[in-house]
Amino acid sequence: MINENQYRELKQEVEAARNEATRAQGALDQLIDRLKDEFECESLKEAKTLLTSLETKREEADEDFEKAFADYQKRWKES
């Protein structure tokens, strides 16, 4: 059996957990709204797909840059 102090402590812990869950839900809602506004993604799945696509494009751009830079250096070192 629990005494009154244990009950009050438990009640405070439950309230703290409830408040933390509410804050976490609010943060999640803000992030989802930001995804919708900034990236026009309606779901986390769409955001992950967009991220994968953007990462692929970035890698391709990096490769193109490295090739162009190597060509530039080769051309100007020969001159």
C-alpha atoms as a PDB file:
ATOM      1  CA  MET A   1       0.000   0.000   0.000  1.00  0.00           C
ATOM      2  CA  ILE A   2       1.268   3.500  -0.782  1.00  0.00           C
ATOM      3  CA  ASN A   3       1.165   6.413   1.595  1.00  0.00           C
ATOM      4  CA  GLU A   4       0.073   9.965   0.868  1.00  0.00           C
ATOM      5  CA  ASN A   5       3.587  11.231   0.045  1.00  0.00           C
ATOM      6  CA  GLN A   6       4.195   8.412  -2.413  1.00  0.00           C
ATOM      7  CA  TYR A   7       0.835   9.150  -4.009  1.00  0.00           C
ATOM      8  CA  ARG A   8       1.705  12.850  -4.409  1.00  0.00           C
ATOM      9  CA  GLU A   9       5.113  12.043  -5.898  1.00  0.00           C
ATOM     10  CA  LEU A  10       3.561   9.606  -8.326  1.00  0.00           C
ATOM     11  CA  LYS A  11       0.918  12.152  -9.255  1.00  0.00           C
ATOM     12  CA  GLN A  12       3.641  14.770  -9.947  1.00  0.00           C
ATOM     13  CA  GLU A  13       5.551  12.292 -12.113  1.00  0.00           C
ATOM     14  CA  VAL A  14       2.420  11.535 -14.109  1.00  0.00           C
ATOM     15  CA  GLU A  15       1.732  15.261 -14.602  1.00  0.00           C
ATOM     16  CA  ALA A  16       5.321  15.877 -15.690  1.00  0.00           C
ATOM     17  CA  ALA A  17       5.138  13.005 -18.190  1.00  0.00           C
ATOM     18  CA  ARG A  18       1.817  14.285 -19.498  1.00  0.00           C
ATOM     19  CA  ASN A  19       3.232  17.804 -19.944  1.00  0.00           C
ATOM     20  CA  GLU A  20       6.307  16.458 -21.723  1.00  0.00           C
ATOM     21  CA  ALA A  21       4.129  14.414 -24.075  1.00  0.00           C
ATOM     22  CA  THR A  22       2.066  17.514 -24.857  1.00  0.00           C
ATOM     23  CA  ARG A  23       5.212  19.532 -25.640  1.00  0.00           C
ATOM     24  CA  ALA A  24       6.550  16.735 -27.838  1.00  0.00           C
ATOM     25  CA  GLN A  25       3.282  16.553 -29.763  1.00  0.00           C
ATOM     26  CA  GLY A  26       3.363  20.327 -30.273  1.00  0.00           C
ATOM     27  CA  ALA A  27       6.924  20.157 -31.587  1.00  0.00           C
ATOM     28  CA  LEU A  28       5.968  17.332 -33.945  1.00  0.00           C
ATOM     29  CA  ASP A  29       2.985  19.305 -35.216  1.00  0.00           C
ATOM     30  CA  GLN A  30       5.234  22.327 -35.878  1.00  0.00           C
ATOM     31  CA  LEU A  31       7.723  20.202 -37.799  1.00  0.00           C
ATOM     32  CA  ILE A  32       4.977  18.657 -39.924  1.00  0.00           C
ATOM     33  CA  ASP A  33       3.587  22.125 -40.673  1.00  0.00           C
ATOM     34  CA  ARG A  34       7.081  23.255 -41.671  1.00  0.00           C
ATOM     35  CA  LEU A  35       7.462  20.263 -43.996  1.00  0.00           C
ATOM     36  CA  LYS A  36       4.167  21.194 -45.624  1.00  0.00           C
ATOM     37  CA  ASP A  37       4.992  24.896 -45.953  1.00  0.00           C
ATOM     38  CA  GLU A  38       8.625  24.746 -46.993  1.00  0.00           C
ATOM     39  CA  PHE A  39       8.799  21.495 -48.929  1.00  0.00           C
ATOM     40  CA  GLU A  40       5.161  20.797 -49.875  1.00  0.00           C
ATOM     41  CA  CYS A  41       5.277  17.354 -48.248  1.00  0.00           C
ATOM     42  CA  GLU A  42       2.009  16.070 -46.846  1.00  0.00           C
ATOM     43  CA  SER A  43       3.563  13.205 -44.902  1.00  0.00           C
ATOM     44  CA  LEU A  44       6.807  11.984 -43.417  1.00  0.00           C
ATOM     45  CA  LYS A  45       6.991   9.371 -46.180  1.00  0.00           C
ATOM     46  CA  GLU A  46       6.881  12.114 -48.835  1.00  0.00           C
ATOM     47  CA  ALA A  47       9.584  14.036 -46.958  1.00  0.00           C
ATOM     48  CA  LYS A  48      11.852  10.983 -46.873  1.00  0.00           C
ATOM     49  CA  THR A  49      11.332  10.437 -50.602  1.00  0.00           C
ATOM     50  CA  LEU A  50      12.146  14.096 -51.295  1.00  0.00           C
ATOM     51  CA  LEU A  51      15.245  13.880 -49.106  1.00  0.00           C
ATOM     52  CA  THR A  52      16.490  10.835 -51.000  1.00  0.00           C
ATOM     53  CA  SER A  53      15.922  12.605 -54.310  1.00  0.00           C
ATOM     54  CA  LEU A  54      17.725  15.744 -53.145  1.00  0.00           C
ATOM     55  CA  GLU A  55      20.660  13.730 -51.827  1.00  0.00           C
ATOM     56  CA  THR A  56      20.955  11.946 -55.188  1.00  0.00           C
ATOM     57  CA  LYS A  57      20.902  15.272 -57.035  1.00  0.00           C
ATOM     58  CA  ARG A  58      23.549  16.668 -54.690  1.00  0.00           C
ATOM     59  CA  GLU A  59      25.808  13.667 -55.277  1.00  0.00           C
ATOM     60  CA  GLU A  60      25.385  14.030 -59.051  1.00  0.00           C
ATOM     61  CA  ALA A  61      26.169  17.756 -58.836  1.00  0.00           C
ATOM     62  CA  ASP A  62      29.276  17.008 -56.761  1.00  0.00           C
ATOM     63  CA  GLU A  63      30.458  14.485 -59.355  1.00  0.00           C
ATOM     64  CA  ASP A  64      29.798  16.936 -62.210  1.00  0.00           C
ATOM     65  CA  PHE A  65      31.700  19.656 -60.380  1.00  0.00           C
ATOM     66  CA  GLU A  66      34.681  17.406 -59.668  1.00  0.00           C
ATOM     67  CA  LYS A  67      34.822  16.384 -63.329  1.00  0.00           C
ATOM     68  CA  ALA A  68      34.530  19.966 -64.564  1.00  0.00           C
ATOM     69  CA  PHE A  69      37.170  21.120 -62.099  1.00  0.00           C
ATOM     70  CA  ALA A  70      39.558  18.352 -63.155  1.00  0.00           C
ATOM     71  CA  ASP A  71      38.996  19.289 -66.811  1.00  0.00           C
ATOM     72  CA  TYR A  72      39.628  22.956 -65.986  1.00  0.00           C
ATOM     73  CA  GLN A  73      42.855  22.176 -64.152  1.00  0.00           C
ATOM     74  CA  LYS A  74      44.046  19.909 -66.955  1.00  0.00           C
ATOM     75  CA  ARG A  75      43.304  22.550 -69.598  1.00  0.00           C
ATOM     76  CA  TRP A  76      45.014  25.414 -67.758  1.00  0.00           C
ATOM     77  CA  LYS A  77      48.040  23.428 -66.628  1.00  0.00           C
ATOM     78  CA  GLU A  78      48.736  22.481 -70.236  1.00  0.00           C
ATOM     79  CA  SER A  79      48.604  26.114 -71.366  1.00  0.00           C
END
